[in-house]
């Protein structure tokens, strides 16, 4: 009976929070650019995400500037947008040029939130 009550509580929490489930199978999620994305899509994703969130972390001299590539910068910007909007799957679509991953993409001093 306790398991049923816990499950009902989680379902209720899901519905009352707008379906915003932060974890997938108990794991945190991140949004990254699909490796197959073209450069125009990556640039559009950076521009869109950075109009919504503070992307100063991508500037030269900041922890996430290097490697200085479109796919790296797009992944970071897209993830910041995804995290800021509540980790909903629809906040990681970017016209089908993004993936939700369960492996932390952080590297060196560049920490994905």
PDB file of N, CA and C in Angstrom:
ATOM      1  N   UNK A   1       0.822  -1.197   0.000  1.00  0.00           N
ATOM      2  CA  UNK A   1       0.000   0.000   0.000  1.00  0.00           C
ATOM      3  C   UNK A   1       0.865   1.259   0.000  1.00  0.00           C
ATOM      4  N   UNK A   2       1.995   1.226   0.715  1.00  0.00           N
ATOM      5  CA  UNK A   2       2.875   2.396   0.778  1.00  0.00           C
ATOM      6  C   UNK A   2       3.457   2.724  -0.595  1.00  0.00           C
ATOM      7  N   UNK A   3       3.754   1.665  -1.388  1.00  0.00           N
ATOM      8  CA  UNK A   3       4.295   1.882  -2.738  1.00  0.00           C
ATOM      9  C   UNK A   3       3.267   2.548  -3.637  1.00  0.00           C
ATOM     10  N   UNK A   4       2.012   2.151  -3.509  1.00  0.00           N
ATOM     11  CA  UNK A   4       0.936   2.744  -4.299  1.00  0.00           C
ATOM     12  C   UNK A   4       0.775   4.212  -3.921  1.00  0.00           C
ATOM     13  N   UNK A   5       0.806   4.505  -2.631  1.00  0.00           N
ATOM     14  CA  UNK A   5       0.670   5.881  -2.162  1.00  0.00           C
ATOM     15  C   UNK A   5       1.829   6.739  -2.670  1.00  0.00           C
ATOM     16  N   UNK A   6       3.035   6.188  -2.660  1.00  0.00           N
ATOM     17  CA  UNK A   6       4.197   6.927  -3.149  1.00  0.00           C
ATOM     18  C   UNK A   6       4.077   7.199  -4.641  1.00  0.00           C
ATOM     19  N   UNK A   7       3.615   6.212  -5.397  1.00  0.00           N
ATOM     20  CA  UNK A   7       3.427   6.381  -6.828  1.00  0.00           C
ATOM     21  C   UNK A   7       2.367   7.434  -7.124  1.00  0.00           C
ATOM     22  N   UNK A   8       1.263   7.384  -6.397  1.00  0.00           N
ATOM     23  CA  UNK A   8       0.214   8.387  -6.572  1.00  0.00           C
ATOM     24  C   UNK A   8       0.724   9.781  -6.235  1.00  0.00           C
ATOM     25  N   UNK A   9       1.532   9.886  -5.184  1.00  0.00           N
ATOM     26  CA  UNK A   9       2.109  11.177  -4.817  1.00  0.00           C
ATOM     27  C   UNK A   9       2.986  11.714  -5.938  1.00  0.00           C
ATOM     28  N   UNK A  10       3.825  10.851  -6.525  1.00  0.00           N
ATOM     29  CA  UNK A  10       4.697  11.282  -7.626  1.00  0.00           C
ATOM     30  C   UNK A  10       3.894  11.704  -8.849  1.00  0.00           C
ATOM     31  N   UNK A  11       2.836  10.985  -9.150  1.00  0.00           N
ATOM     32  CA  UNK A  11       1.982  11.367 -10.275  1.00  0.00           C
ATOM     33  C   UNK A  11       1.303  12.698 -10.015  1.00  0.00           C
ATOM     34  N   UNK A  12       0.801  12.879  -8.806  1.00  0.00           N
ATOM     35  CA  UNK A  12       0.178  14.142  -8.444  1.00  0.00           C
ATOM     36  C   UNK A  12       1.184  15.273  -8.529  1.00  0.00           C
ATOM     37  N   UNK A  13       2.387  15.054  -8.029  1.00  0.00           N
ATOM     38  CA  UNK A  13       3.437  16.063  -8.097  1.00  0.00           C
ATOM     39  C   UNK A  13       3.750  16.399  -9.544  1.00  0.00           C
ATOM     40  N   UNK A  14       3.786  15.410 -10.392  1.00  0.00           N
ATOM     41  CA  UNK A  14       4.048  15.628 -11.805  1.00  0.00           C
ATOM     42  C   UNK A  14       2.976  16.507 -12.436  1.00  0.00           C
ATOM     43  N   UNK A  15       1.712  16.200 -12.164  1.00  0.00           N
ATOM     44  CA  UNK A  15       0.630  16.975 -12.764  1.00  0.00           C
ATOM     45  C   UNK A  15       0.567  18.387 -12.200  1.00  0.00           C
ATOM     46  N   UNK A  16       0.795  18.555 -10.913  1.00  0.00           N
ATOM     47  CA  UNK A  16       0.718  19.887 -10.320  1.00  0.00           C
ATOM     48  C   UNK A  16       1.915  20.747 -10.675  1.00  0.00           C
ATOM     49  N   UNK A  17       3.011  20.137 -11.118  1.00  0.00           N
ATOM     50  CA  UNK A  17       4.176  20.922 -11.528  1.00  0.00           C
ATOM     51  C   UNK A  17       4.201  21.094 -13.043  1.00  0.00           C
ATOM     52  N   UNK A  18       3.078  20.828 -13.703  1.00  0.00           N
ATOM     53  CA  UNK A  18       3.003  20.980 -15.140  1.00  0.00           C
ATOM     54  C   UNK A  18       3.679  19.840 -15.878  1.00  0.00           C
ATOM     55  N   UNK A  19       3.849  18.715 -15.231  1.00  0.00           N
ATOM     56  CA  UNK A  19       4.489  17.585 -15.875  1.00  0.00           C
ATOM     57  C   UNK A  19       5.996  17.720 -15.930  1.00  0.00           C
ATOM     58  N   UNK A  20       6.547  18.659 -15.199  1.00  0.00           N
ATOM     59  CA  UNK A  20       7.974  18.922 -15.225  1.00  0.00           C
ATOM     60  C   UNK A  20       8.717  17.898 -14.381  1.00  0.00           C
ATOM     61  N   UNK A  21       9.159  16.817 -15.007  1.00  0.00           N
ATOM     62  CA  UNK A  21       9.936  15.811 -14.308  1.00  0.00           C
ATOM     63  C   UNK A  21      11.408  16.065 -14.587  1.00  0.00           C
ATOM     64  N   UNK A  22      12.164  16.397 -13.560  1.00  0.00           N
ATOM     65  CA  UNK A  22      13.563  16.766 -13.708  1.00  0.00           C
ATOM     66  C   UNK A  22      14.434  15.560 -13.999  1.00  0.00           C
ATOM     67  N   UNK A  23      14.040  14.414 -13.571  1.00  0.00           N
ATOM     68  CA  UNK A  23      14.861  13.220 -13.733  1.00  0.00           C
ATOM     69  C   UNK A  23      14.256  12.284 -14.775  1.00  0.00           C
ATOM     70  N   UNK A  24      15.097  11.536 -15.448  1.00  0.00           N
ATOM     71  CA  UNK A  24      14.683  10.458 -16.342  1.00  0.00           C
ATOM     72  C   UNK A  24      15.254   9.188 -15.746  1.00  0.00           C
ATOM     73  N   UNK A  25      14.375   8.296 -15.352  1.00  0.00           N
ATOM     74  CA  UNK A  25      14.808   7.067 -14.684  1.00  0.00           C
ATOM     75  C   UNK A  25      15.752   7.373 -13.520  1.00  0.00           C
ATOM     76  N   UNK A  26      15.443   8.425 -12.773  1.00  0.00           N
ATOM     77  CA  UNK A  26      16.239   8.779 -11.606  1.00  0.00           C
ATOM     78  C   UNK A  26      17.529   9.514 -11.916  1.00  0.00           C
ATOM     79  N   UNK A  27      17.731   9.916 -13.173  1.00  0.00           N
ATOM     80  CA  UNK A  27      18.965  10.605 -13.558  1.00  0.00           C
ATOM     81  C   UNK A  27      18.667  12.035 -14.000  1.00  0.00           C
ATOM     82  N   UNK A  28      19.598  12.926 -13.738  1.00  0.00           N
ATOM     83  CA  UNK A  28      19.495  14.294 -14.218  1.00  0.00           C
ATOM     84  C   UNK A  28      19.666  14.291 -15.735  1.00  0.00           C
ATOM     85  N   UNK A  29      19.096  15.278 -16.403  1.00  0.00           N
ATOM     86  CA  UNK A  29      19.185  15.355 -17.852  1.00  0.00           C
ATOM     87  C   UNK A  29      19.797  16.675 -18.307  1.00  0.00           C
ATOM     88  N   UNK A  30      20.387  16.630 -19.492  1.00  0.00           N
ATOM     89  CA  UNK A  30      20.979  17.803 -20.136  1.00  0.00           C
ATOM     90  C   UNK A  30      20.530  17.832 -21.585  1.00  0.00           C
ATOM     91  N   UNK A  31      20.570  18.994 -22.188  1.00  0.00           N
ATOM     92  CA  UNK A  31      20.201  19.169 -23.589  1.00  0.00           C
ATOM     93  C   UNK A  31      21.457  19.536 -24.367  1.00  0.00           C
ATOM     94  N   UNK A  32      21.743  18.806 -25.426  1.00  0.00           N
ATOM     95  CA  UNK A  32      22.925  19.075 -26.252  1.00  0.00           C
ATOM     96  C   UNK A  32      22.537  19.057 -27.726  1.00  0.00           C
ATOM     97  N   UNK A  33      23.387  19.639 -28.545  1.00  0.00           N
ATOM     98  CA  UNK A  33      23.165  19.664 -29.985  1.00  0.00           C
ATOM     99  C   UNK A  33      23.418  18.287 -30.592  1.00  0.00           C
ATOM    100  N   UNK A  34      22.592  17.904 -31.551  1.00  0.00           N
ATOM    101  CA  UNK A  34      22.827  16.667 -32.284  1.00  0.00           C
ATOM    102  C   UNK A  34      24.097  16.829 -33.117  1.00  0.00           C
ATOM    103  N   UNK A  35      24.953  15.844 -33.105  1.00  0.00           N
ATOM    104  CA  UNK A  35      26.179  15.922 -33.910  1.00  0.00           C
ATOM    105  C   UNK A  35      25.909  16.109 -35.400  1.00  0.00           C
ATOM    106  N   UNK A  36      24.757  15.685 -35.873  1.00  0.00           N
ATOM    107  CA  UNK A  36      24.421  15.811 -37.294  1.00  0.00           C
ATOM    108  C   UNK A  36      23.850  17.177 -37.670  1.00  0.00           C
ATOM    109  N   UNK A  37      23.717  18.084 -36.705  1.00  0.00           N
ATOM    110  CA  UNK A  37      23.136  19.408 -36.981  1.00  0.00           C
ATOM    111  C   UNK A  37      24.035  20.221 -37.894  1.00  0.00           C
ATOM    112  N   UNK A  38      23.401  20.957 -38.818  1.00  0.00           N
ATOM    113  CA  UNK A  38      24.190  21.805 -39.714  1.00  0.00           C
ATOM    114  C   UNK A  38      24.556  23.114 -39.011  1.00  0.00           C
ATOM    115  N   UNK A  39      25.520  23.808 -39.558  1.00  0.00           N
ATOM    116  CA  UNK A  39      26.035  25.024 -38.918  1.00  0.00           C
ATOM    117  C   UNK A  39      24.978  26.113 -38.802  1.00  0.00           C
ATOM    118  N   UNK A  40      24.111  26.238 -39.807  1.00  0.00           N
ATOM    119  CA  UNK A  40      23.060  27.261 -39.740  1.00  0.00           C
ATOM    120  C   UNK A  40      22.117  26.997 -38.568  1.00  0.00           C
ATOM    121  N   UNK A  41      21.767  25.734 -38.351  1.00  0.00           N
ATOM    122  CA  UNK A  41      20.896  25.389 -37.215  1.00  0.00           C
ATOM    123  C   UNK A  41      21.582  25.664 -35.889  1.00  0.00           C
ATOM    124  N   UNK A  42      22.855  25.300 -35.794  1.00  0.00           N
ATOM    125  CA  UNK A  42      23.596  25.539 -34.553  1.00  0.00           C
ATOM    126  C   UNK A  42      23.669  27.028 -34.237  1.00  0.00           C
ATOM    127  N   UNK A  43      23.957  27.834 -35.245  1.00  0.00           N
ATOM    128  CA  UNK A  43      24.033  29.283 -35.041  1.00  0.00           C
ATOM    129  C   UNK A  43      22.673  29.846 -34.640  1.00  0.00           C
ATOM    130  N   UNK A  44      21.617  29.384 -35.296  1.00  0.00           N
ATOM    131  CA  UNK A  44      20.260  29.830 -34.938  1.00  0.00           C
ATOM    132  C   UNK A  44      19.932  29.433 -33.500  1.00  0.00           C
ATOM    133  N   UNK A  45      20.347  28.246 -33.087  1.00  0.00           N
ATOM    134  CA  UNK A  45      20.088  27.785 -31.714  1.00  0.00           C
ATOM    135  C   UNK A  45      20.826  28.648 -30.699  1.00  0.00           C
ATOM    136  N   UNK A  46      22.074  28.997 -31.000  1.00  0.00           N
ATOM    137  CA  UNK A  46      22.841  29.878 -30.106  1.00  0.00           C
ATOM    138  C   UNK A  46      22.140  31.217 -29.989  1.00  0.00           C
ATOM    139  N   UNK A  47      21.764  31.786 -31.118  1.00  0.00           N
ATOM    140  CA  UNK A  47      21.110  33.098 -31.106  1.00  0.00           C
ATOM    141  C   UNK A  47      19.800  33.064 -30.339  1.00  0.00           C
ATOM    142  N   UNK A  48      19.005  32.024 -30.552  1.00  0.00           N
ATOM    143  CA  UNK A  48      17.724  31.917 -29.856  1.00  0.00           C
ATOM    144  C   UNK A  48      17.933  31.740 -28.352  1.00  0.00           C
ATOM    145  N   UNK A  49      18.755  30.769 -27.983  1.00  0.00           N
ATOM    146  CA  UNK A  49      18.955  30.481 -26.557  1.00  0.00           C
ATOM    147  C   UNK A  49      19.572  31.670 -25.836  1.00  0.00           C
ATOM    148  N   UNK A  50      20.558  32.295 -26.460  1.00  0.00           N
ATOM    149  CA  UNK A  50      21.260  33.407 -25.803  1.00  0.00           C
ATOM    150  C   UNK A  50      20.426  34.682 -25.734  1.00  0.00           C
ATOM    151  N   UNK A  51      19.341  34.735 -26.502  1.00  0.00           N
ATOM    152  CA  UNK A  51      18.398  35.853 -26.356  1.00  0.00           C
ATOM    153  C   UNK A  51      17.534  35.648 -25.113  1.00  0.00           C
ATOM    154  N   UNK A  52      17.507  34.411 -24.601  1.00  0.00           N
ATOM    155  CA  UNK A  52      16.669  34.062 -23.447  1.00  0.00           C
ATOM    156  C   UNK A  52      17.454  33.913 -22.143  1.00  0.00           C
ATOM    157  N   UNK A  53      18.722  33.517 -22.250  1.00  0.00           N
ATOM    158  CA  UNK A  53      19.556  33.265 -21.074  1.00  0.00           C
ATOM    159  C   UNK A  53      20.892  33.990 -21.228  1.00  0.00           C
ATOM    160  N   UNK A  54      21.598  34.140 -20.132  1.00  0.00           N
ATOM    161  CA  UNK A  54      22.895  34.813 -20.122  1.00  0.00           C
ATOM    162  C   UNK A  54      23.986  33.855 -20.610  1.00  0.00           C
ATOM    163  N   UNK A  55      24.544  34.145 -21.772  1.00  0.00           N
ATOM    164  CA  UNK A  55      25.550  33.270 -22.384  1.00  0.00           C
ATOM    165  C   UNK A  55      26.980  33.792 -22.222  1.00  0.00           C
ATOM    166  N   UNK A  56      27.201  34.625 -21.233  1.00  0.00           N
ATOM    167  CA  UNK A  56      28.567  35.154 -21.049  1.00  0.00           C
ATOM    168  C   UNK A  56      29.600  34.062 -20.805  1.00  0.00           C
ATOM    169  N   UNK A  57      29.177  32.916 -20.340  1.00  0.00           N
ATOM    170  CA  UNK A  57      30.091  31.806 -20.064  1.00  0.00           C
ATOM    171  C   UNK A  57      30.788  31.319 -21.342  1.00  0.00           C
ATOM    172  N   UNK A  58      30.253  31.707 -22.499  1.00  0.00           N
ATOM    173  CA  UNK A  58      30.833  31.311 -23.788  1.00  0.00           C
ATOM    174  C   UNK A  58      31.885  32.297 -24.303  1.00  0.00           C
ATOM    175  N   UNK A  59      32.003  33.450 -23.658  1.00  0.00           N
ATOM    176  CA  UNK A  59      32.946  34.467 -24.128  1.00  0.00           C
ATOM    177  C   UNK A  59      34.391  34.012 -23.952  1.00  0.00           C
ATOM    178  N   UNK A  60      35.247  34.562 -24.798  1.00  0.00           N
ATOM    179  CA  UNK A  60      36.685  34.270 -24.721  1.00  0.00           C
ATOM    180  C   UNK A  60      37.182  34.517 -23.295  1.00  0.00           C
ATOM    181  N   UNK A  61      37.952  33.568 -22.775  1.00  0.00           N
ATOM    182  CA  UNK A  61      38.488  33.673 -21.425  1.00  0.00           C
ATOM    183  C   UNK A  61      37.597  33.044 -20.355  1.00  0.00           C
ATOM    184  N   UNK A  62      36.379  32.693 -20.726  1.00  0.00           N
ATOM    185  CA  UNK A  62      35.456  32.057 -19.774  1.00  0.00           C
ATOM    186  C   UNK A  62      35.578  30.536 -19.882  1.00  0.00           C
ATOM    187  N   UNK A  63      35.136  29.816 -18.853  1.00  0.00           N
ATOM    188  CA  UNK A  63      35.359  28.365 -18.780  1.00  0.00           C
ATOM    189  C   UNK A  63      34.814  27.550 -19.954  1.00  0.00           C
ATOM    190  N   UNK A  64      33.753  28.011 -20.599  1.00  0.00           N
ATOM    191  CA  UNK A  64      33.135  27.202 -21.652  1.00  0.00           C
ATOM    192  C   UNK A  64      33.423  27.716 -23.064  1.00  0.00           C
ATOM    193  N   UNK A  65      34.342  28.648 -23.191  1.00  0.00           N
ATOM    194  CA  UNK A  65      34.678  29.160 -24.533  1.00  0.00           C
ATOM    195  C   UNK A  65      35.410  28.114 -25.371  1.00  0.00           C
ATOM    196  N   UNK A  66      36.283  27.375 -24.733  1.00  0.00           N
ATOM    197  CA  UNK A  66      37.080  26.392 -25.450  1.00  0.00           C
ATOM    198  C   UNK A  66      36.499  25.000 -25.236  1.00  0.00           C
ATOM    199  N   UNK A  67      36.372  24.194 -26.269  1.00  0.00           N
ATOM    200  CA  UNK A  67      36.776  24.478 -27.640  1.00  0.00           C
ATOM    201  C   UNK A  67      35.816  25.464 -28.313  1.00  0.00           C
ATOM    202  N   UNK A  68      36.388  26.333 -29.098  1.00  0.00           N
ATOM    203  CA  UNK A  68      35.639  27.392 -29.776  1.00  0.00           C
ATOM    204  C   UNK A  68      35.041  26.817 -31.063  1.00  0.00           C
ATOM    205  N   UNK A  69      33.922  26.096 -30.889  1.00  0.00           N
ATOM    206  CA  UNK A  69      33.245  25.501 -32.036  1.00  0.00           C
ATOM    207  C   UNK A  69      31.742  25.738 -31.911  1.00  0.00           C
ATOM    208  N   UNK A  70      31.071  25.746 -33.044  1.00  0.00           N
ATOM    209  CA  UNK A  70      29.627  25.964 -33.030  1.00  0.00           C
ATOM    210  C   UNK A  70      28.894  24.884 -32.253  1.00  0.00           C
ATOM    211  N   UNK A  71      29.270  23.637 -32.434  1.00  0.00           N
ATOM    212  CA  UNK A  71      28.541  22.560 -31.749  1.00  0.00           C
ATOM    213  C   UNK A  71      28.733  22.641 -30.236  1.00  0.00           C
ATOM    214  N   UNK A  72      29.925  22.999 -29.794  1.00  0.00           N
ATOM    215  CA  UNK A  72      30.177  23.147 -28.360  1.00  0.00           C
ATOM    216  C   UNK A  72      29.378  24.321 -27.799  1.00  0.00           C
ATOM    217  N   UNK A  73      29.466  25.468 -28.443  1.00  0.00           N
ATOM    218  CA  UNK A  73      28.758  26.649 -27.945  1.00  0.00           C
ATOM    219  C   UNK A  73      27.248  26.449 -28.019  1.00  0.00           C
ATOM    220  N   UNK A  74      26.767  25.807 -29.089  1.00  0.00           N
ATOM    221  CA  UNK A  74      25.331  25.558 -29.203  1.00  0.00           C
ATOM    222  C   UNK A  74      24.861  24.633 -28.079  1.00  0.00           C
ATOM    223  N   UNK A  75      25.605  23.584 -27.813  1.00  0.00           N
ATOM    224  CA  UNK A  75      25.214  22.651 -26.754  1.00  0.00           C
ATOM    225  C   UNK A  75      25.113  23.351 -25.411  1.00  0.00           C
ATOM    226  N   UNK A  76      26.071  24.195 -25.108  1.00  0.00           N
ATOM    227  CA  UNK A  76      26.060  24.903 -23.824  1.00  0.00           C
ATOM    228  C   UNK A  76      24.883  25.870 -23.751  1.00  0.00           C
ATOM    229  N   UNK A  77      24.676  26.653 -24.808  1.00  0.00           N
ATOM    230  CA  UNK A  77      23.568  27.618 -24.830  1.00  0.00           C
ATOM    231  C   UNK A  77      22.218  26.894 -24.765  1.00  0.00           C
ATOM    232  N   UNK A  78      22.078  25.824 -25.538  1.00  0.00           N
ATOM    233  CA  UNK A  78      20.825  25.073 -25.554  1.00  0.00           C
ATOM    234  C   UNK A  78      20.547  24.453 -24.188  1.00  0.00           C
ATOM    235  N   UNK A  79      21.584  23.948 -23.528  1.00  0.00           N
ATOM    236  CA  UNK A  79      21.395  23.368 -22.201  1.00  0.00           C
ATOM    237  C   UNK A  79      21.016  24.437 -21.177  1.00  0.00           C
ATOM    238  N   UNK A  80      21.630  25.605 -21.253  1.00  0.00           N
ATOM    239  CA  UNK A  80      21.269  26.668 -20.309  1.00  0.00           C
ATOM    240  C   UNK A  80      19.800  27.046 -20.493  1.00  0.00           C
ATOM    241  N   UNK A  81      19.353  27.124 -21.737  1.00  0.00           N
ATOM    242  CA  UNK A  81      17.947  27.413 -22.014  1.00  0.00           C
ATOM    243  C   UNK A  81      17.062  26.298 -21.440  1.00  0.00           C
ATOM    244  N   UNK A  82      17.390  25.064 -21.751  1.00  0.00           N
ATOM    245  CA  UNK A  82      16.636  23.890 -21.286  1.00  0.00           C
ATOM    246  C   UNK A  82      16.541  23.867 -19.762  1.00  0.00           C
ATOM    247  N   UNK A  83      17.654  24.079 -19.085  1.00  0.00           N
ATOM    248  CA  UNK A  83      17.665  24.074 -17.618  1.00  0.00           C
ATOM    249  C   UNK A  83      16.815  25.221 -17.073  1.00  0.00           C
ATOM    250  N   UNK A  84      16.927  26.407 -17.678  1.00  0.00           N
ATOM    251  CA  UNK A  84      16.202  27.574 -17.167  1.00  0.00           C
ATOM    252  C   UNK A  84      14.696  27.466 -17.363  1.00  0.00           C
ATOM    253  N   UNK A  85      14.275  26.674 -18.336  1.00  0.00           N
ATOM    254  CA  UNK A  85      12.842  26.517 -18.622  1.00  0.00           C
ATOM    255  C   UNK A  85      12.226  25.321 -17.911  1.00  0.00           C
ATOM    256  N   UNK A  86      12.993  24.628 -17.074  1.00  0.00           N
ATOM    257  CA  UNK A  86      12.437  23.567 -16.254  1.00  0.00           C
ATOM    258  C   UNK A  86      12.671  22.155 -16.752  1.00  0.00           C
ATOM    259  N   UNK A  87      13.579  21.981 -17.696  1.00  0.00           N
ATOM    260  CA  UNK A  87      13.943  20.649 -18.212  1.00  0.00           C
ATOM    261  C   UNK A  87      12.758  19.897 -18.824  1.00  0.00           C
ATOM    262  N   UNK A  88      11.893  20.594 -19.502  1.00  0.00           N
ATOM    263  CA  UNK A  88      10.800  19.950 -20.225  1.00  0.00           C
ATOM    264  C   UNK A  88      11.325  19.487 -21.582  1.00  0.00           C
ATOM    265  N   UNK A  89      10.866  18.323 -22.038  1.00  0.00           N
ATOM    266  CA  UNK A  89      11.378  17.800 -23.302  1.00  0.00           C
ATOM    267  C   UNK A  89      11.156  18.769 -24.455  1.00  0.00           C
ATOM    268  N   UNK A  90      10.088  19.556 -24.410  1.00  0.00           N
ATOM    269  CA  UNK A  90       9.818  20.490 -25.501  1.00  0.00           C
ATOM    270  C   UNK A  90      10.772  21.686 -25.484  1.00  0.00           C
ATOM    271  N   UNK A  91      11.493  21.890 -24.386  1.00  0.00           N
ATOM    272  CA  UNK A  91      12.495  22.954 -24.331  1.00  0.00           C
ATOM    273  C   UNK A  91      13.850  22.480 -24.832  1.00  0.00           C
ATOM    274  N   UNK A  92      13.892  21.247 -25.333  1.00  0.00           N
ATOM    275  CA  UNK A  92      15.110  20.707 -25.922  1.00  0.00           C
ATOM    276  C   UNK A  92      14.774  20.082 -27.272  1.00  0.00           C
ATOM    277  N   UNK A  93      14.136  20.855 -28.111  1.00  0.00           N
ATOM    278  CA  UNK A  93      13.826  20.361 -29.452  1.00  0.00           C
ATOM    279  C   UNK A  93      14.655  21.114 -30.483  1.00  0.00           C
ATOM    280  N   UNK A  94      14.595  22.436 -30.425  1.00  0.00           N
ATOM    281  CA  UNK A  94      15.367  23.283 -31.327  1.00  0.00           C
ATOM    282  C   UNK A  94      15.255  22.783 -32.769  1.00  0.00           C
ATOM    283  N   UNK A  95      13.996  22.655 -33.202  1.00  0.00           N
ATOM    284  CA  UNK A  95      13.697  22.194 -34.564  1.00  0.00           C
ATOM    285  C   UNK A  95      14.388  20.874 -34.885  1.00  0.00           C
ATOM    286  N   UNK A  96      14.292  19.980 -33.930  1.00  0.00           N
ATOM    287  CA  UNK A  96      14.823  18.621 -34.054  1.00  0.00           C
ATOM    288  C   UNK A  96      16.348  18.564 -34.218  1.00  0.00           C
ATOM    289  N   UNK A  97      17.040  19.537 -33.632  1.00  0.00           N
ATOM    290  CA  UNK A  97      18.515  19.539 -33.714  1.00  0.00           C
ATOM    291  C   UNK A  97      19.162  19.335 -32.348  1.00  0.00           C
ATOM    292  N   UNK A  98      18.389  18.797 -31.401  1.00  0.00           N
ATOM    293  CA  UNK A  98      18.898  18.611 -30.038  1.00  0.00           C
ATOM    294  C   UNK A  98      18.574  17.219 -29.515  1.00  0.00           C
ATOM    295  N   UNK A  99      19.325  16.839 -28.500  1.00  0.00           N
ATOM    296  CA  UNK A  99      19.130  15.561 -27.820  1.00  0.00           C
ATOM    297  C   UNK A  99      19.089  15.785 -26.319  1.00  0.00           C
ATOM    298  N   UNK A 100      18.272  15.022 -25.618  1.00  0.00           N
ATOM    299  CA  UNK A 100      18.319  15.000 -24.157  1.00  0.00           C
ATOM    300  C   UNK A 100      19.210  13.829 -23.786  1.00  0.00           C
ATOM    301  N   UNK A 101      20.219  14.103 -22.965  1.00  0.00           N
ATOM    302  CA  UNK A 101      21.165  13.070 -22.559  1.00  0.00           C
ATOM    303  C   UNK A 101      21.160  12.916 -21.042  1.00  0.00           C
ATOM    304  N   UNK A 102      21.584  11.743 -20.584  1.00  0.00           N
ATOM    305  CA  UNK A 102      21.667  11.478 -19.146  1.00  0.00           C
ATOM    306  C   UNK A 102      23.110  11.384 -18.683  1.00  0.00           C
ATOM    307  N   UNK A 103      24.058  11.555 -19.591  1.00  0.00           N
ATOM    308  CA  UNK A 103      25.476  11.582 -19.238  1.00  0.00           C
ATOM    309  C   UNK A 103      25.911  13.039 -19.163  1.00  0.00           C
ATOM    310  N   UNK A 104      26.462  13.432 -18.042  1.00  0.00           N
ATOM    311  CA  UNK A 104      26.879  14.823 -17.823  1.00  0.00           C
ATOM    312  C   UNK A 104      27.915  15.235 -18.874  1.00  0.00           C
ATOM    313  N   UNK A 105      27.599  16.244 -19.692  1.00  0.00           N
ATOM    314  CA  UNK A 105      28.533  16.684 -20.736  1.00  0.00           C
ATOM    315  C   UNK A 105      29.599  17.668 -20.238  1.00  0.00           C
ATOM    316  N   UNK A 106      29.644  17.936 -18.942  1.00  0.00           N
ATOM    317  CA  UNK A 106      30.640  18.866 -18.395  1.00  0.00           C
ATOM    318  C   UNK A 106      32.052  18.394 -18.716  1.00  0.00           C
ATOM    319  N   UNK A 107      32.948  19.341 -18.840  1.00  0.00           N
ATOM    320  CA  UNK A 107      34.345  19.022 -19.099  1.00  0.00           C
ATOM    321  C   UNK A 107      35.219  20.100 -18.479  1.00  0.00           C
ATOM    322  N   UNK A 108      36.395  19.728 -18.074  1.00  0.00           N
ATOM    323  CA  UNK A 108      37.365  20.655 -17.476  1.00  0.00           C
ATOM    324  C   UNK A 108      36.664  21.569 -16.480  1.00  0.00           C
ATOM    325  N   UNK A 109      36.747  22.889 -16.681  1.00  0.00           N
ATOM    326  CA  UNK A 109      36.087  23.835 -15.799  1.00  0.00           C
ATOM    327  C   UNK A 109      34.727  24.294 -16.314  1.00  0.00           C
ATOM    328  N   UNK A 110      34.272  23.695 -17.403  1.00  0.00           N
ATOM    329  CA  UNK A 110      32.970  24.025 -17.987  1.00  0.00           C
ATOM    330  C   UNK A 110      31.941  23.060 -17.407  1.00  0.00           C
ATOM    331  N   UNK A 111      31.183  23.542 -16.452  1.00  0.00           N
ATOM    332  CA  UNK A 111      30.205  22.713 -15.764  1.00  0.00           C
ATOM    333  C   UNK A 111      28.811  23.001 -16.319  1.00  0.00           C
ATOM    334  N   UNK A 112      28.190  21.976 -16.875  1.00  0.00           N
ATOM    335  CA  UNK A 112      26.807  22.107 -17.351  1.00  0.00           C
ATOM    336  C   UNK A 112      25.912  22.053 -16.112  1.00  0.00           C
ATOM    337  N   UNK A 113      25.037  23.028 -15.967  1.00  0.00           N
ATOM    338  CA  UNK A 113      24.150  23.071 -14.788  1.00  0.00           C
ATOM    339  C   UNK A 113      23.158  21.955 -14.797  1.00  0.00           C
TER     340      UNK A 113
END
